[in-house]
Amino acid sequence: MDKKQQKATSDKSVVQEIALRGTESRQRDKKKENMLNAMESNLGHISDSCRAAGIGRQTHYLWMGKDKNYAERIYNLGERQIDTVESKLFTLIEKGNVIATIFYLKTKGRARGYEESTTITGVNGTPLIPAPIYPPEITVKILRNGTPPTETDTDTDEHYTPGNTTIRRTGGNI
């Protein structure tokens, strides 16, 4: 093959590769559109939408990370769904639905004091489980040779402070 034929063959393969990439891109765009339509039909449920569009969840998340336009359209779909639910909530409130009204005030009226909190206490407001009370220091008499120490035997006192694993000895000979 001479240089002209090689160049023509090379040019032809480049054109074929570009055409192939264009076909793959169009197929991927069609799958993205199918996924967006499936998300709308399945009320944003990702697994069901992926199954309907014939793609894996990982592909959806890959597109979300790489394709800003796709991610924005998915986000806007979610925002439209929230708008729809809010309008249904307002319809219920207008009809006098007390539960819907309370829900709205608990979520949107917090700044005006509409919030719910629960405080659990014991009798007369005391803590439910009292904190343990430890004396700051405990003196323990140590037996020597099986006999209790005498009054004058102060060198057998040892001090133990709770939470501290070391025992220190005071005094002299034991």
Protein backbone atom coordinates (compact mmCIF):
# COMPACT_ATOMS: atom_id res chain seq x y z
CA MET A 1 0.00 0.00 0.00
CA ASP A 2 1.41 3.37 -0.95
CA LYS A 3 1.23 6.47 1.27
CA LYS A 4 -1.92 7.81 -0.45
CA GLN A 5 -3.80 4.58 0.13
CA GLN A 6 -2.59 4.41 3.75
CA LYS A 7 -3.75 7.99 4.35
CA ALA A 8 -7.13 7.30 2.73
CA THR A 9 -7.55 4.15 4.85
CA SER A 10 -6.52 6.07 7.97
CA ASP A 11 -8.92 8.92 7.17
CA LYS A 12 -11.71 6.44 6.53
CA SER A 13 -11.15 4.73 9.92
CA VAL A 14 -11.11 8.12 11.70
CA VAL A 15 -14.42 9.04 10.06
CA GLN A 16 -15.87 5.64 11.01
CA GLU A 17 -14.68 6.09 14.61
CA ILE A 18 -16.25 9.57 14.81
CA ALA A 19 -19.49 8.18 13.39
CA LEU A 20 -19.38 5.31 15.88
CA ARG A 21 -18.79 7.74 18.78
CA GLY A 22 -21.69 9.85 17.52
CA THR A 23 -23.95 6.78 17.44
CA GLU A 24 -22.90 5.79 20.99
CA SER A 25 -23.48 9.35 22.17
CA ARG A 26 -26.96 9.42 20.62
CA GLN A 27 -27.78 6.04 22.20
CA ARG A 28 -26.57 7.27 25.60
CA ASP A 29 -28.62 10.48 25.23
CA LYS A 30 -31.69 8.38 24.39
CA LYS A 31 -31.09 6.22 27.49
CA LYS A 32 -30.78 9.38 29.61
CA GLU A 33 -34.08 10.64 28.24
CA ASN A 34 -35.67 7.25 28.95
CA MET A 35 -34.32 7.43 32.50
CA LEU A 36 -35.69 10.94 33.02
CA ASN A 37 -39.11 9.84 31.76
CA ALA A 38 -38.98 6.76 33.99
CA MET A 39 -38.06 8.91 37.00
CA GLU A 40 -41.10 11.05 36.37
CA SER A 41 -43.40 8.03 35.94
CA ASN A 42 -42.00 6.28 39.03
CA LEU A 43 -42.19 9.39 41.22
CA GLY A 44 -38.41 9.61 41.58
CA HIS A 45 -37.87 6.01 42.73
CA ILE A 46 -34.38 5.29 41.39
CA SER A 47 -34.36 1.46 41.35
CA ASP A 48 -37.71 1.22 39.55
CA SER A 49 -36.69 3.94 37.11
CA CYS A 50 -33.37 2.28 36.31
CA ARG A 51 -35.13 -1.03 35.72
CA ALA A 52 -37.66 0.65 33.41
CA ALA A 53 -34.92 2.49 31.48
CA GLY A 54 -32.76 -0.63 31.20
CA ILE A 55 -29.74 0.80 33.01
CA GLY A 56 -28.00 0.04 36.30
CA ARG A 57 -28.12 2.33 39.32
CA GLN A 58 -24.37 2.84 38.99
CA THR A 59 -24.88 4.23 35.49
CA HIS A 60 -27.46 6.70 36.80
CA TYR A 61 -25.06 7.90 39.52
CA LEU A 62 -22.20 8.07 37.01
CA TRP A 63 -24.33 10.31 34.78
CA MET A 64 -25.26 12.42 37.82
CA GLY A 65 -21.56 12.99 38.53
CA LYS A 66 -20.39 13.57 34.98
CA ASP A 67 -23.31 15.24 33.21
CA LYS A 68 -24.27 18.55 34.81
CA ASN A 69 -27.34 18.93 32.57
CA TYR A 70 -28.62 15.44 33.49
CA ALA A 71 -28.04 16.08 37.21
CA GLU A 72 -29.86 19.40 37.01
CA ARG A 73 -32.84 17.83 35.26
CA ILE A 74 -33.04 15.10 37.95
CA TYR A 75 -32.86 17.81 40.65
CA ASN A 76 -35.60 19.86 38.97
CA LEU A 77 -37.77 16.75 38.73
CA GLY A 78 -37.48 16.34 42.51
CA GLU A 79 -38.32 20.01 43.06
CA ARG A 80 -41.46 19.68 40.90
CA GLN A 81 -42.52 16.67 42.98
CA ILE A 82 -42.11 18.68 46.20
CA ASP A 83 -44.18 21.50 44.68
CA THR A 84 -46.93 19.00 43.82
CA VAL A 85 -46.97 17.56 47.35
CA GLU A 86 -46.98 21.04 48.90
CA SER A 87 -49.96 22.06 46.80
CA LYS A 88 -51.83 18.92 47.94
CA LEU A 89 -50.93 19.82 51.55
CA PHE A 90 -52.32 23.33 51.11
CA THR A 91 -55.50 21.88 49.62
CA LEU A 92 -55.93 19.74 52.74
CA ILE A 93 -55.25 22.74 55.02
CA GLU A 94 -57.83 24.83 53.15
CA LYS A 95 -60.37 22.02 53.66
CA GLY A 96 -59.77 22.24 57.42
CA ASN A 97 -57.63 19.14 57.85
CA VAL A 98 -56.18 19.56 61.35
CA ILE A 99 -53.37 17.02 60.91
CA ALA A 100 -52.15 18.75 57.75
CA THR A 101 -52.27 22.11 59.54
CA ILE A 102 -50.29 20.80 62.52
CA PHE A 103 -47.74 19.18 60.21
CA TYR A 104 -47.27 22.41 58.29
CA LEU A 105 -46.84 24.49 61.43
CA LYS A 106 -44.37 22.00 62.95
CA THR A 107 -42.21 22.09 59.82
CA LYS A 108 -42.60 25.65 58.54
CA GLY A 109 -43.67 27.53 61.68
CA ARG A 110 -40.73 26.74 63.95
CA ALA A 111 -39.50 30.34 63.97
CA ARG A 112 -42.87 31.34 65.45
CA GLY A 113 -42.74 28.72 68.20
CA TYR A 114 -44.65 25.89 66.55
CA GLU A 115 -42.40 23.00 67.40
CA GLU A 116 -42.71 19.82 69.33
CA SER A 117 -40.23 18.63 71.91
CA THR A 118 -40.33 15.97 74.59
CA THR A 119 -38.48 16.11 77.90
CA ILE A 120 -38.35 12.92 79.90
CA THR A 121 -37.69 13.28 83.63
CA GLY A 122 -38.15 11.35 86.82
CA VAL A 123 -40.40 12.32 89.73
CA ASN A 124 -40.66 16.10 90.28
CA GLY A 125 -38.39 16.85 87.33
CA THR A 126 -35.39 14.95 88.65
CA PRO A 127 -33.14 13.16 86.16
CA LEU A 128 -34.55 9.82 85.07
CA ILE A 129 -31.31 7.99 85.87
CA PRO A 130 -29.39 9.75 88.62
CA ALA A 131 -25.68 10.18 88.09
CA PRO A 132 -23.61 7.97 90.40
CA ILE A 133 -22.14 9.80 93.38
CA TYR A 134 -18.61 8.85 94.32
CA PRO A 135 -16.79 10.22 97.32
CA PRO A 136 -13.62 12.00 96.27
CA GLU A 137 -11.44 9.52 98.08
CA ILE A 138 -11.97 6.22 99.90
CA THR A 139 -9.59 4.97 102.58
CA VAL A 140 -9.23 1.20 102.64
CA LYS A 141 -7.64 -0.68 105.56
CA ILE A 142 -5.35 -3.40 104.34
CA LEU A 143 -4.94 -6.57 106.42
CA ARG A 144 -1.39 -7.60 107.30
CA ASN A 145 -0.82 -11.31 107.75
CA GLY A 146 -4.58 -11.86 108.09
CA THR A 147 -4.98 -9.53 111.09
CA PRO A 148 -6.58 -6.09 111.06
CA PRO A 149 -4.21 -3.17 111.52
CA THR A 150 -3.98 -1.55 114.92
CA GLU A 151 -4.91 2.05 115.73
CA THR A 152 -1.26 3.07 115.68
CA ASP A 153 -0.53 1.24 112.44
CA THR A 154 -1.21 4.19 110.08
CA ASP A 155 1.22 3.01 107.47
CA THR A 156 -1.34 0.46 106.26
CA ASP A 157 -3.80 3.06 104.90
CA GLU A 158 -4.16 3.05 101.13
CA HIS A 159 -6.15 5.57 99.15
CA TYR A 160 -8.29 4.81 96.11
CA THR A 161 -9.89 7.43 93.94
CA PRO A 162 -12.77 6.19 91.72
CA GLY A 163 -11.97 6.33 88.03
CA ASN A 164 -8.27 6.04 88.85
CA THR A 165 -6.83 2.55 88.68
CA THR A 166 -3.77 3.30 90.75
CA ILE A 167 -3.76 2.74 94.52
CA ARG A 168 -1.23 4.83 96.39
CA ARG A 169 0.12 3.89 99.79
CA THR A 170 0.64 6.38 102.54
CA GLY A 171 2.98 5.79 105.43
CA GLY A 172 6.11 3.75 105.81
CA ASN A 173 6.76 0.08 106.43
CA ILE A 174 4.34 -2.77 105.86
